Structure formats: structure tokens, C-alpha cells
Amino acid sequence: MSSSDNSQPPSLYAGREPIFPRRVSGNFRNLKWIIMIVTLGIYYLAPWIRWDRGPALPDQAILVDLANRRFFFFWIEIWPHEFYFVAGLLIMAGLGLFLFTSALGRVWCGYACPQTVWTDLYILVERWIEGDRNARLRLHRQKKWDLRKVRLRATKFFVWFLIGLATGGAWVFYFTDAPTLLVDLVTGQAHPVAYTTMLILTATTFFFGGFAREQICIYACPWPRIQAAMMDEDTLTVGYREWRGEPRGKGKDREGMGDCIDCMACVNVCPVGIDIRDGQQLECITCALCIDACDDMMAKVGKPRGLIDYLAFSDEPREREGHPPRPVWQHIFRARTIMYTSLWSLVGIGLVFALFIRPEIEMTVAPVRNPTFVTLSDGSIRNTYDVRLLNKHGEDRPFRITLTGNPYLRVQLEATPYDSVNVTANEMYLQKVYVIAPPGSDPAEAERSDFRFWVEDLTNGDRAYKDTIFNGKAN
């Protein structure tokens, strides 16, 4: 048997080649810096915004209160039975993603996706410490780990770790009072869940932003495979005008050549390492850094900008014939985008309407069916009801329970001689209520009688009601 028969089959796995994007400046790069600062600023600082919520809750503007299953956003408070607000926001987020993708391609991926934002931040730190693209390439290819390489890598990893730690810390601050939790974390008194959450988020941020980077976008994220259904020939996306740039080539004698001088600037700045001149690719996140790089090079060689630009496939025949592309607004305002905008607006208007009409008092009434009624010693008929009262205010408030609809019925509250109860701030209170009909009265003799429970906030006079029935002896 020959030695070739014992050889291992070729590996089907190709190791990742790290990508070291070159620094670039321009309008799109500046836009990405602004979005990065705004989004990271919101994420890191939002838990520290104070908002008076009374003595029973932390004075935090944005708070996810898992213990009591509530969500606070400034003056808005979402209770468990109001989860439809969260569902509506998720629907709006999905429709917004569809809208922007159909109009401008993967702008979410290129500008505001957390993976993109933190990767940009990690690359920025890497560039500050190790230098621009060529310097980082040389350091990567250097086999010998001398003192300089160890120092640069250790410094970079340490700063990456601090960013990951701040990311994990900011996340747990949304779930409890941030200043109190910070003290507990530093003194070692925080709950183990907080430390575990921070550890997981620190590790994932460190790995995703520092090492995985474009691998997350290409292999882990499902959106590149879904986006094709959201785009059509009128979608504005980053592309290369090959009819203007080809044939490409370098050198002084460029007679008969296109505008592309094959400088590779567009490739060197790409954070996912593709060549946009090869056409639309799944890996492209539409960050537009190649536009800045190409425009800069075109200015240097005295050629018009826009060799790489936001363009629509439907304009290609016009541009090949020398005509200008259609106005941007014609690509953005079309049937698909108008439909998405209309749906998005309808959901948003519905949520705002529901937010403003929701009552300040919440009550539920559940008749106790076992037994359906009780006959008292004097012949009166009594029904029992579980009445739940929700106090949405940040202070304790008294609530009065009454009924209307039948003059023979009267209310009696269990364990109190009064018709009112005190409900703790931001709590749901269960009160057992008896409704009694005197002997021989219509409600006592009838099979069922309709009436209405009323609850009144004695502090501000707000009222709410629930309709229910009284069961008599005819049952």
C-alpha cells in the first residue's frame, strides 16, 4: 500500500483570517461615530437617570422590576396584564426593520446593530493601541512574542475586558436601583445572579467584539438570509458602478481604462473583508465605509465621486446609457415602503391611544362558585366575590367598594366593618366581598340578578366598575 493511501483527507474547514480594517474618514464614517456615541451613551447612562417613584420603589427612570413583573419607563408603568404594550413595541421594531431594509438595505446592520457598534468600539481601541492596518498586520504576522508584542496585546485585552465589564454591569443596572447595586457589587454583597450575568455578558462582549466580529454577522445572525425577501430592484444599497469603473487598472497610461484604479482602498476598510466590486454579497453589512474610501481616492485622482455609492439596480440601465439616476425619494417612497410605514404608524397610534385611555384604577371581580350562594340564619341570601384592586400610584390609597343596579343588594367587606380598604402603593390587593339580599326580595328569589361593582379612589375621586351577577335561590 502506498504512503498516499494513508494520507488524511483534506480538511473542509478553513481557519478564520483576522481582518484589520484601515482607518477611513468621511461622511458615513462620521455618521457611524455619532450613532456609536449616542447608542452607547444611552445604554451606559440610562440606568442612572433618576425619577421619583415614591417610597416603595427605586427612583430610577428606566427599571425592569422582575420581582413584581413590572416595567417602568419614565412616567409610563407597564403591568403584567398590559404585556400587549411590549408585544406592540416588538411588532413596531420588526416593521421598522422591514421598512428600513426595503428602503436602504442593511442599514440596521451597518450602523446600529449592537454587534456592529461594539465591534467598531473594539476596533477603535485596537487601532489606538496597536496602530493602523499595516501596523496591526505586521504585529499579527510576527511569530516572536517579544516584550513589545506582549505589552500591546495585554493592554488591548485589558481595555477590551473593561469595556465588556462595563457592558455587563450596565445591563444588570436596569433591573434594580443602580447606585445601590453598584455599592453591593463593589463590596461583594450583590446577589450571585448579578455576578453571573455580568460574567456571561463580559465574556460574550469580549469574544464577539474582539475575536468573532464578522463571523457573528456572517454565520450566527439569521438576518442576512432574511433580508433578501425585504429588498427589491428599487432598494438603495451600497454597490459598485462597474460600467463606470471597468476595466480597472493602475498606472499613468489609463487610456481606455475605467475610473477604478484598483487601489484596494474599498477592500482595506471593509470590516467584513469583502470586495464590493464583486457585486452584492451576503457578508456586506452596508456600513458604507467603502464609499468614503473610494470617494477620497477619486478626489485624489481627479475623478467624480460615486464610483461606489448607494444605488438601486433599477437605475443601472439608465446610468449605462449616460442618464442620471432617478431621485432618491422615488426609490424610498414606493408601494412596499408606504405599506410598512402605514402598518408601523397604525400600531404606534394604537399603542399611544391605549396608553392614554387605560384607567388609573384596575379591578377584577371573580364570583366564588363553591358554593354559589349561602342562606343565612335570617333567610338572607349571600354571594361571595373575590375583588382585586390594583393601586398604580406610588403611595398608599384608600378605595371604597360599592354597588349599583339593584336597591335590595348591600355590600359587606370581609374582616372590616367599613366599605373602604387601604391598598399599598404599586400593589394588587385581594378583598373578599359579600353581597347580601334580604329574604323575600327579588334578588333572593330570582335565579340571577345583574348589578355593578364600583370602586372609588378616595384620594382623587377616580372610579372604575365591573358588571357581574347575583345568584338567588331559584338556582
Protein backbone atom coordinates (compact mmCIF):
# COMPACT_ATOMS: atom_id res chain seq x y z
CA MET A 1 0.00 0.00 0.00
CA SER A 2 1.45 3.36 -0.96
CA SER A 3 2.03 6.10 1.53
CA SER A 4 -0.55 8.23 -0.27
CA ASP A 5 -3.25 5.78 0.81
CA ASN A 6 -2.53 6.62 4.45
CA SER A 7 -2.78 10.35 3.95
CA GLN A 8 -5.53 12.23 5.73
CA PRO A 9 -8.38 13.64 3.60
CA PRO A 10 -8.22 17.38 3.03
CA SER A 11 -9.85 19.48 5.70
CA LEU A 12 -13.14 21.07 4.78
CA TYR A 13 -12.70 23.72 7.45
CA ALA A 14 -10.82 26.93 6.74
CA GLY A 15 -9.46 28.80 9.71
CA ARG A 16 -10.51 32.41 10.15
CA GLU A 17 -8.18 35.02 8.76
CA PRO A 18 -8.34 38.08 11.02
CA ILE A 19 -9.48 41.27 9.32
CA PHE A 20 -7.72 44.53 10.11
CA PRO A 21 -9.74 47.39 8.59
CA ARG A 22 -7.85 50.54 7.69
CA ARG A 23 -8.83 53.85 9.23
CA VAL A 24 -11.04 55.96 6.97
CA SER A 25 -12.71 59.34 7.27
CA GLY A 26 -15.76 60.73 5.54
CA ASN A 27 -19.46 61.41 5.90
CA PHE A 28 -20.52 57.82 6.55
CA ARG A 29 -17.70 57.19 9.00
CA ASN A 30 -18.69 60.35 10.88
CA LEU A 31 -22.31 59.20 10.90
CA LYS A 32 -21.24 55.88 12.38
CA TRP A 33 -19.24 57.69 15.09
CA ILE A 34 -22.30 59.75 16.01
CA ILE A 35 -24.57 56.70 16.16
CA MET A 36 -21.99 54.84 18.25
CA ILE A 37 -21.72 57.68 20.77
CA VAL A 38 -25.49 58.10 21.02
CA THR A 39 -26.35 54.41 21.33
CA LEU A 40 -23.57 53.56 23.78
CA GLY A 41 -24.32 56.71 25.76
CA ILE A 42 -27.96 55.69 26.09
CA TYR A 43 -27.05 52.12 27.04
CA TYR A 44 -24.46 53.01 29.68
CA LEU A 45 -26.11 56.10 31.18
CA ALA A 46 -29.85 55.34 31.06
CA PRO A 47 -29.91 53.32 34.34
CA TRP A 48 -28.52 56.35 36.20
CA ILE A 49 -31.32 58.73 35.23
CA ARG A 50 -33.37 59.42 38.34
CA TRP A 51 -37.18 59.58 38.51
CA ASP A 52 -39.24 59.95 41.68
CA ARG A 53 -41.37 56.82 42.15
CA GLY A 54 -42.34 57.28 45.78
CA PRO A 55 -41.06 55.47 48.86
CA ALA A 56 -41.83 51.95 47.72
CA LEU A 57 -39.70 51.81 44.54
CA PRO A 58 -36.21 52.88 43.42
CA ASP A 59 -36.03 56.38 41.97
CA GLN A 60 -34.97 55.08 38.57
CA ALA A 61 -36.35 56.32 35.25
CA ILE A 62 -35.93 53.00 33.40
CA LEU A 63 -36.45 49.93 35.54
CA VAL A 64 -37.34 46.31 34.83
CA ASP A 65 -38.87 45.14 38.11
CA LEU A 66 -38.80 41.36 37.66
CA ALA A 67 -39.80 40.65 41.26
CA ASN A 68 -43.14 42.37 40.75
CA ARG A 69 -43.26 41.77 36.98
CA ARG A 70 -43.42 45.43 36.01
CA PHE A 71 -41.59 47.72 33.63
CA PHE A 72 -41.05 51.44 34.23
CA PHE A 73 -40.08 53.97 31.57
CA PHE A 74 -40.08 57.48 32.99
CA TRP A 75 -43.80 58.23 33.63
CA ILE A 76 -45.02 55.03 31.92
CA GLU A 77 -45.63 51.92 34.02
CA ILE A 78 -46.41 48.58 32.36
CA TRP A 79 -48.04 45.86 34.47
CA PRO A 80 -48.14 42.11 33.67
CA HIS A 81 -51.68 42.24 32.27
CA GLU A 82 -50.55 45.06 29.95
CA PHE A 83 -47.96 42.97 28.14
CA TYR A 84 -49.65 43.90 24.89
CA PHE A 85 -47.66 47.15 25.05
CA VAL A 86 -44.41 45.15 24.91
CA ALA A 87 -45.80 42.97 22.13
CA GLY A 88 -46.79 46.11 20.21
CA LEU A 89 -43.30 47.58 20.57
CA LEU A 90 -41.77 44.35 19.28
CA ILE A 91 -44.12 44.42 16.29
CA MET A 92 -43.12 48.03 15.63
CA ALA A 93 -39.44 47.07 15.83
CA GLY A 94 -39.97 44.28 13.30
CA LEU A 95 -41.93 46.51 10.92
CA GLY A 96 -39.30 49.23 11.29
CA LEU A 97 -36.60 46.74 10.39
CA PHE A 98 -38.57 45.67 7.32
CA LEU A 99 -39.14 49.30 6.35
CA PHE A 100 -35.51 50.40 6.56
CA THR A 101 -34.26 47.24 4.86
CA SER A 102 -36.66 47.60 1.93
CA ALA A 103 -35.68 51.26 1.54
CA LEU A 104 -31.94 51.29 2.31
CA GLY A 105 -30.75 47.71 2.61
CA ARG A 106 -28.98 46.54 5.75
CA VAL A 107 -28.65 49.97 7.36
CA TRP A 108 -29.51 48.46 10.75
CA CYS A 109 -26.61 46.03 10.43
CA GLY A 110 -24.19 48.69 9.25
CA TYR A 111 -24.96 51.43 11.73
CA ALA A 112 -26.98 50.48 14.82
CA CYS A 113 -26.74 46.71 15.40
CA PRO A 114 -25.11 46.08 18.83
CA GLN A 115 -22.63 43.69 17.22
CA THR A 116 -21.55 46.43 14.78
CA VAL A 117 -21.41 49.15 17.44
CA TRP A 118 -19.30 47.17 19.91
CA THR A 119 -17.08 45.78 17.15
CA ASP A 120 -16.40 49.35 15.98
CA LEU A 121 -15.52 50.27 19.55
CA TYR A 122 -13.18 47.29 19.91
CA ILE A 123 -11.52 48.07 16.57
CA LEU A 124 -11.07 51.68 17.68
CA VAL A 125 -9.30 50.52 20.85
CA GLU A 126 -7.18 48.10 18.81
CA ARG A 127 -6.17 50.90 16.44
CA TRP A 128 -5.28 53.25 19.29
CA ILE A 129 -3.02 50.68 20.93
CA GLU A 130 -1.51 48.71 18.03
CA GLY A 131 -1.66 51.24 15.20
CA ASP A 132 -3.47 51.33 11.86
CA ARG A 133 -3.95 48.42 9.47
CA ASN A 134 -0.36 47.85 8.34
CA ALA A 135 1.00 48.02 11.89
CA ARG A 136 -1.60 45.55 13.13
CA LEU A 137 -0.89 43.22 10.22
CA ARG A 138 2.82 43.24 11.00
CA LEU A 139 2.14 42.56 14.66
CA HIS A 140 -0.21 39.70 13.78
CA ARG A 141 2.31 38.10 11.43
CA GLN A 142 5.17 38.48 13.88
CA LYS A 143 5.88 34.98 15.17
CA LYS A 144 8.13 36.03 18.01
CA TRP A 145 6.36 37.16 21.16
CA ASP A 146 8.78 39.82 22.31
CA LEU A 147 8.16 42.28 25.13
CA ARG A 148 6.54 44.84 22.82
CA LYS A 149 4.01 42.39 21.39
CA VAL A 150 3.14 41.07 24.85
CA ARG A 151 2.70 44.61 26.15
CA LEU A 152 0.47 45.71 23.25
CA ARG A 153 -1.69 42.61 23.36
CA ALA A 154 -2.02 42.68 27.14
CA THR A 155 -3.01 46.35 27.07
CA LYS A 156 -5.55 45.75 24.31
CA PHE A 157 -7.10 42.74 26.05
CA PHE A 158 -7.29 44.63 29.33
CA VAL A 159 -9.17 47.55 27.75
CA TRP A 160 -11.43 45.10 25.91
CA PHE A 161 -12.14 43.41 29.24
CA LEU A 162 -13.04 46.73 30.87
CA ILE A 163 -15.46 47.50 28.04
CA GLY A 164 -17.04 44.06 28.42
CA LEU A 165 -17.28 44.51 32.17
CA ALA A 166 -18.95 47.91 31.75
CA THR A 167 -21.35 46.33 29.25
CA GLY A 168 -22.37 43.55 31.61
CA GLY A 169 -22.57 45.95 34.54
CA ALA A 170 -24.80 48.38 32.67
CA TRP A 171 -27.19 45.55 31.81
CA VAL A 172 -27.79 44.43 35.42
CA PHE A 173 -28.32 48.06 36.49
CA TYR A 174 -31.58 48.08 34.54
CA PHE A 175 -33.10 45.52 36.91
CA THR A 176 -32.62 47.22 40.27
CA ASP A 177 -31.56 50.51 41.80
CA ALA A 178 -28.27 51.26 40.02
CA PRO A 179 -26.41 53.20 42.78
CA THR A 180 -27.34 50.61 45.41
CA LEU A 181 -26.34 47.70 43.19
CA LEU A 182 -23.01 49.34 42.32
CA VAL A 183 -22.12 49.56 46.02
CA ASP A 184 -23.20 45.95 46.55
CA LEU A 185 -21.14 44.77 43.58
CA VAL A 186 -18.01 46.54 44.80
CA THR A 187 -18.42 45.34 48.38
CA GLY A 188 -19.24 41.76 47.34
CA GLN A 189 -22.78 41.84 48.75
CA ALA A 190 -24.70 41.61 45.47
CA HIS A 191 -26.78 38.57 44.59
CA PRO A 192 -24.86 35.79 42.78
CA VAL A 193 -27.23 36.19 39.82
CA ALA A 194 -25.86 39.71 39.27
CA TYR A 195 -22.25 38.50 39.23
CA THR A 196 -23.13 35.57 36.97
CA THR A 197 -24.96 37.80 34.49
CA MET A 198 -22.07 40.26 34.42
CA LEU A 199 -19.58 37.45 33.87
CA ILE A 200 -21.54 36.00 30.95
CA LEU A 201 -22.06 39.37 29.25
CA THR A 202 -18.44 40.37 29.82
CA ALA A 203 -17.22 37.16 28.21
CA THR A 204 -19.61 37.35 25.25
CA THR A 205 -18.86 41.02 24.58
CA PHE A 206 -15.12 40.34 24.79
CA PHE A 207 -15.34 37.40 22.41
CA PHE A 208 -17.91 38.75 19.94
CA GLY A 209 -16.38 42.22 19.65
CA GLY A 210 -12.75 41.22 19.89
CA PHE A 211 -12.45 37.93 18.04
CA ALA A 212 -15.66 36.73 16.34
CA ARG A 213 -16.59 40.09 14.80
CA GLU A 214 -17.69 39.48 11.21
CA GLN A 215 -18.22 35.77 11.95
CA ILE A 216 -21.29 36.67 14.01
CA CYS A 217 -22.73 38.67 11.11
CA ILE A 218 -21.96 36.01 8.51
CA TYR A 219 -22.71 32.75 10.33
CA ALA A 220 -24.60 33.39 13.57
CA CYS A 221 -27.05 36.12 12.56
CA PRO A 222 -30.08 34.98 10.53
CA TRP A 223 -30.86 38.46 9.16
CA PRO A 224 -28.50 38.29 6.12
CA ARG A 225 -30.55 35.35 4.85
CA ILE A 226 -33.89 37.01 5.55
CA GLN A 227 -33.07 40.43 4.14
CA ALA A 228 -33.29 39.27 0.53
CA ALA A 229 -37.07 38.98 0.90
CA MET A 230 -37.22 42.59 2.09
CA MET A 231 -35.25 44.05 -0.82
CA ASP A 232 -36.06 44.56 -4.49
CA GLU A 233 -34.56 46.32 -7.51
CA ASP A 234 -35.53 49.74 -6.13
CA THR A 235 -33.80 49.28 -2.78
CA LEU A 236 -30.93 51.70 -2.28
CA THR A 237 -27.90 49.74 -1.16
CA VAL A 238 -24.13 50.04 -1.36
CA GLY A 239 -22.89 49.00 -4.79
CA TYR A 240 -20.14 49.45 -7.36
CA ARG A 241 -20.77 51.13 -10.72
CA GLU A 242 -18.81 48.63 -12.75
CA TRP A 243 -19.99 50.20 -16.01
CA ARG A 244 -18.02 53.25 -14.98
CA GLY A 245 -15.11 51.62 -13.18
CA GLU A 246 -14.19 48.80 -15.58
CA PRO A 247 -11.79 47.88 -16.92
CA ARG A 248 -9.83 48.73 -13.82
CA GLY A 249 -6.10 49.12 -13.65
CA LYS A 250 -3.15 51.04 -12.26
CA GLY A 251 -0.51 53.16 -13.92
CA LYS A 252 -0.26 56.52 -15.64
CA ASP A 253 -1.36 55.36 -19.08
CA ARG A 254 -5.10 54.91 -18.50
CA GLU A 255 -6.45 55.36 -21.97
CA GLY A 256 -9.46 53.11 -22.41
CA MET A 257 -9.50 52.29 -18.71
CA GLY A 258 -12.35 52.83 -16.24
CA ASP A 259 -12.26 55.08 -13.22
CA CYS A 260 -11.27 52.30 -10.80
CA ILE A 261 -7.51 52.37 -10.25
CA ASP A 262 -7.55 49.08 -8.31
CA CYS A 263 -6.12 50.74 -5.22
CA MET A 264 -7.90 48.23 -2.92
CA ALA A 265 -8.94 51.05 -0.58
CA CYS A 266 -12.53 49.75 -0.54
CA VAL A 267 -11.32 46.29 0.47
CA ASN A 268 -8.87 47.52 3.10
CA VAL A 269 -11.52 49.48 5.02
CA CYS A 270 -14.20 46.79 4.88
CA PRO A 271 -14.91 45.36 8.37
CA VAL A 272 -16.05 42.03 6.88
CA GLY A 273 -13.19 41.77 4.38
CA ILE A 274 -15.14 41.60 1.10
CA ASP A 275 -14.59 43.29 -2.25
CA ILE A 276 -17.71 45.29 -3.05
CA ARG A 277 -16.66 45.31 -6.71
CA ASP A 278 -17.63 41.64 -6.90
CA GLY A 279 -21.30 42.60 -6.58
CA GLN A 280 -23.86 42.13 -3.84
CA GLN A 281 -22.76 39.63 -1.20
CA LEU A 282 -24.34 38.11 1.86
CA GLU A 283 -21.44 39.30 4.02
CA CYS A 284 -21.95 43.01 3.22
CA ILE A 285 -23.45 44.89 6.17
CA THR A 286 -23.92 48.14 4.19
CA CYS A 287 -21.71 50.18 6.52
CA ALA A 288 -20.72 52.43 3.55
CA LEU A 289 -17.09 52.79 4.67
CA CYS A 290 -16.06 51.69 1.18
CA ILE A 291 -17.92 54.74 -0.16
CA ASP A 292 -15.83 57.07 1.99
CA ALA A 293 -12.62 55.31 0.97
CA CYS A 294 -13.44 55.34 -2.74
CA ASP A 295 -14.65 58.96 -2.73
CA ASP A 296 -11.42 60.01 -1.06
CA MET A 297 -9.37 58.21 -3.70
CA MET A 298 -11.46 59.59 -6.57
CA ALA A 299 -10.85 63.12 -5.26
CA LYS A 300 -7.11 62.45 -5.23
CA VAL A 301 -7.01 61.23 -8.85
CA GLY A 302 -9.40 63.90 -10.12
CA LYS A 303 -12.36 61.61 -10.87
CA PRO A 304 -16.02 62.16 -9.95
CA ARG A 305 -17.21 60.73 -6.67
CA GLY A 306 -19.79 57.97 -6.53
CA LEU A 307 -17.92 55.08 -8.13
CA ILE A 308 -19.07 53.18 -5.05
CA ASP A 309 -22.30 54.61 -3.72
CA TYR A 310 -25.82 53.95 -2.53
CA LEU A 311 -27.61 52.92 -5.71
CA ALA A 312 -30.57 50.90 -6.95
CA PHE A 313 -30.38 48.10 -9.50
CA SER A 314 -33.32 49.58 -11.37
CA ASP A 315 -31.18 52.62 -12.25
CA GLU A 316 -28.42 50.58 -13.87
CA PRO A 317 -29.84 50.65 -17.43
CA ARG A 318 -30.35 54.42 -17.22
CA GLU A 319 -26.84 55.04 -15.94
CA ARG A 320 -25.26 52.77 -18.56
CA GLU A 321 -26.89 54.95 -21.19
CA GLY A 322 -25.47 58.07 -19.55
CA HIS A 323 -28.66 59.28 -17.87
CA PRO A 324 -28.72 60.36 -14.22
CA PRO A 325 -30.35 58.02 -11.68
CA ARG A 326 -33.87 58.67 -10.51
CA PRO A 327 -34.32 60.91 -7.44
CA VAL A 328 -33.78 59.22 -4.10
CA TRP A 329 -37.34 59.90 -2.96
CA GLN A 330 -38.74 57.80 -5.81
CA HIS A 331 -36.83 54.80 -4.51
CA ILE A 332 -37.81 55.36 -0.89
CA PHE A 333 -41.49 56.24 -1.36
CA ARG A 334 -42.94 53.28 -3.17
CA ALA A 335 -45.73 50.78 -2.51
CA ARG A 336 -43.74 48.46 -0.25
CA THR A 337 -42.25 51.15 1.98
CA ILE A 338 -45.56 53.02 2.18
CA MET A 339 -47.27 49.82 3.31
CA TYR A 340 -44.66 49.18 6.01
CA THR A 341 -44.86 52.81 7.14
CA SER A 342 -48.65 52.66 7.33
CA LEU A 343 -48.62 49.45 9.37
CA TRP A 344 -45.90 50.80 11.65
CA SER A 345 -47.84 54.01 12.20
CA LEU A 346 -51.11 52.21 12.89
CA VAL A 347 -49.51 50.03 15.57
CA GLY A 348 -47.83 53.07 17.11
CA ILE A 349 -51.02 55.13 17.13
CA GLY A 350 -52.89 52.20 18.65
CA LEU A 351 -50.34 51.86 21.46
CA VAL A 352 -50.42 55.59 22.23
CA PHE A 353 -54.22 55.55 22.24
CA ALA A 354 -54.29 52.53 24.55
CA LEU A 355 -51.74 54.19 26.83
CA PHE A 356 -53.81 57.33 27.30
CA ILE A 357 -57.18 55.65 27.75
CA ARG A 358 -56.10 52.98 30.23
CA PRO A 359 -57.73 53.54 33.63
CA GLU A 360 -55.83 54.64 36.71
CA ILE A 361 -57.79 52.09 38.75
CA GLU A 362 -57.71 48.41 37.83
CA MET A 363 -60.18 45.97 39.34
CA THR A 364 -61.25 42.41 38.65
CA VAL A 365 -64.28 40.61 40.09
CA ALA A 366 -64.47 36.82 40.39
CA PRO A 367 -67.63 35.26 41.90
CA VAL A 368 -66.93 32.40 44.30
CA ARG A 369 -68.80 29.41 42.86
CA ASN A 370 -68.37 26.91 45.68
CA PRO A 371 -70.98 27.36 46.99
CA THR A 372 -72.91 29.54 44.55
CA PHE A 373 -74.77 31.20 47.44
CA VAL A 374 -75.27 30.81 51.18
CA THR A 375 -78.56 31.11 53.10
CA LEU A 376 -78.01 32.98 56.35
CA SER A 377 -79.91 32.33 59.61
CA ASP A 378 -82.35 35.18 58.95
CA GLY A 379 -83.17 33.86 55.46
CA SER A 380 -80.93 36.35 53.60
CA ILE A 381 -79.04 35.13 50.53
CA ARG A 382 -75.32 35.88 50.39
CA ASN A 383 -72.93 35.66 47.41
CA THR A 384 -69.16 35.90 47.79
CA TYR A 385 -66.80 37.67 45.38
CA ASP A 386 -63.03 37.99 45.14
CA VAL A 387 -62.35 41.61 44.23
CA ARG A 388 -58.80 42.51 43.23
CA LEU A 389 -57.78 46.17 43.35
CA LEU A 390 -54.62 47.47 41.70
CA ASN A 391 -53.10 50.67 43.06
CA LYS A 392 -50.92 52.11 40.28
CA HIS A 393 -49.80 55.09 42.33
CA GLY A 394 -46.58 55.46 44.29
CA GLU A 395 -48.41 55.95 47.59
CA ASP A 396 -50.92 54.03 49.69
CA ARG A 397 -54.51 54.95 48.83
CA PRO A 398 -57.98 54.20 50.27
CA PHE A 399 -60.53 52.62 47.92
CA ARG A 400 -64.29 52.44 48.55
CA ILE A 401 -66.29 49.49 47.20
CA THR A 402 -69.99 49.98 46.46
CA LEU A 403 -72.61 48.54 44.10
CA THR A 404 -75.48 49.77 41.95
CA GLY A 405 -78.15 48.13 39.83
CA ASN A 406 -80.47 46.70 42.47
CA PRO A 407 -81.78 48.56 45.55
CA TYR A 408 -82.15 45.39 47.61
CA LEU A 409 -78.49 44.38 47.48
CA ARG A 410 -75.94 45.58 50.00
CA VAL A 411 -72.16 45.19 50.31
CA GLN A 412 -70.20 43.87 53.26
CA LEU A 413 -66.41 43.59 53.26
CA GLU A 414 -64.77 40.67 54.99
CA ALA A 415 -62.74 41.46 58.13
CA THR A 416 -63.76 45.13 58.25
CA PRO A 417 -66.95 46.96 59.19
CA TYR A 418 -66.20 49.71 56.70
CA ASP A 419 -66.89 49.95 52.97
CA SER A 420 -63.31 51.03 52.13
CA VAL A 421 -59.89 49.41 52.23
CA ASN A 422 -56.36 50.76 52.11
CA VAL A 423 -54.29 49.47 49.17
CA THR A 424 -50.49 49.58 49.34
CA ALA A 425 -48.63 51.57 46.69
CA ASN A 426 -47.94 49.70 43.45
CA GLU A 427 -49.62 46.56 44.76
CA MET A 428 -52.51 44.29 43.88
CA TYR A 429 -54.87 43.83 46.83
CA LEU A 430 -57.35 40.94 47.20
CA GLN A 431 -60.52 41.73 49.14
CA LYS A 432 -63.29 39.20 49.78
CA VAL A 433 -66.63 40.94 49.39
CA TYR A 434 -70.09 39.69 50.45
CA VAL A 435 -73.24 40.82 48.62
CA ILE A 436 -76.43 40.15 50.62
CA ALA A 437 -80.08 40.15 49.52
CA PRO A 438 -82.81 40.27 52.23
CA PRO A 439 -85.27 37.36 52.42
CA GLY A 440 -88.19 37.56 50.04
CA SER A 441 -86.58 40.23 47.84
CA ASP A 442 -86.39 39.89 44.09
CA PRO A 443 -82.62 39.09 44.01
CA ALA A 444 -83.05 36.46 46.73
CA GLU A 445 -85.86 34.68 44.86
CA ALA A 446 -84.68 35.13 41.26
CA GLU A 447 -82.24 32.81 39.54
CA ARG A 448 -79.87 35.66 38.76
CA SER A 449 -79.80 39.44 39.03
CA ASP A 450 -77.44 41.81 37.31
CA PHE A 451 -75.60 44.53 39.26
CA ARG A 452 -72.44 46.61 39.05
CA PHE A 453 -69.48 46.81 41.41
CA TRP A 454 -67.94 50.27 41.79
CA VAL A 455 -64.55 51.16 43.25
CA GLU A 456 -63.61 54.77 44.01
CA ASP A 457 -60.19 56.21 44.77
CA LEU A 458 -60.97 58.40 47.79
CA THR A 459 -57.83 60.48 47.18
CA ASN A 460 -58.64 61.86 43.75
CA GLY A 461 -62.17 60.62 43.05
CA ASP A 462 -61.29 58.29 40.15
CA ARG A 463 -63.81 55.48 39.66
CA ALA A 464 -63.98 52.12 37.90
CA TYR A 465 -66.65 49.43 37.64
CA LYS A 466 -67.25 45.81 36.74
CA ASP A 467 -70.59 44.18 35.89
CA THR A 468 -71.42 40.81 37.43
CA ILE A 469 -74.44 38.75 38.62
CA PHE A 470 -76.08 37.78 41.91
CA ASN A 471 -77.31 34.20 42.26
CA GLY A 472 -80.61 33.65 44.11
CA LYS A 473 -82.50 30.63 45.47
CA ALA A 474 -84.04 29.79 42.10
CA ASN A 475 -80.70 28.16 41.20
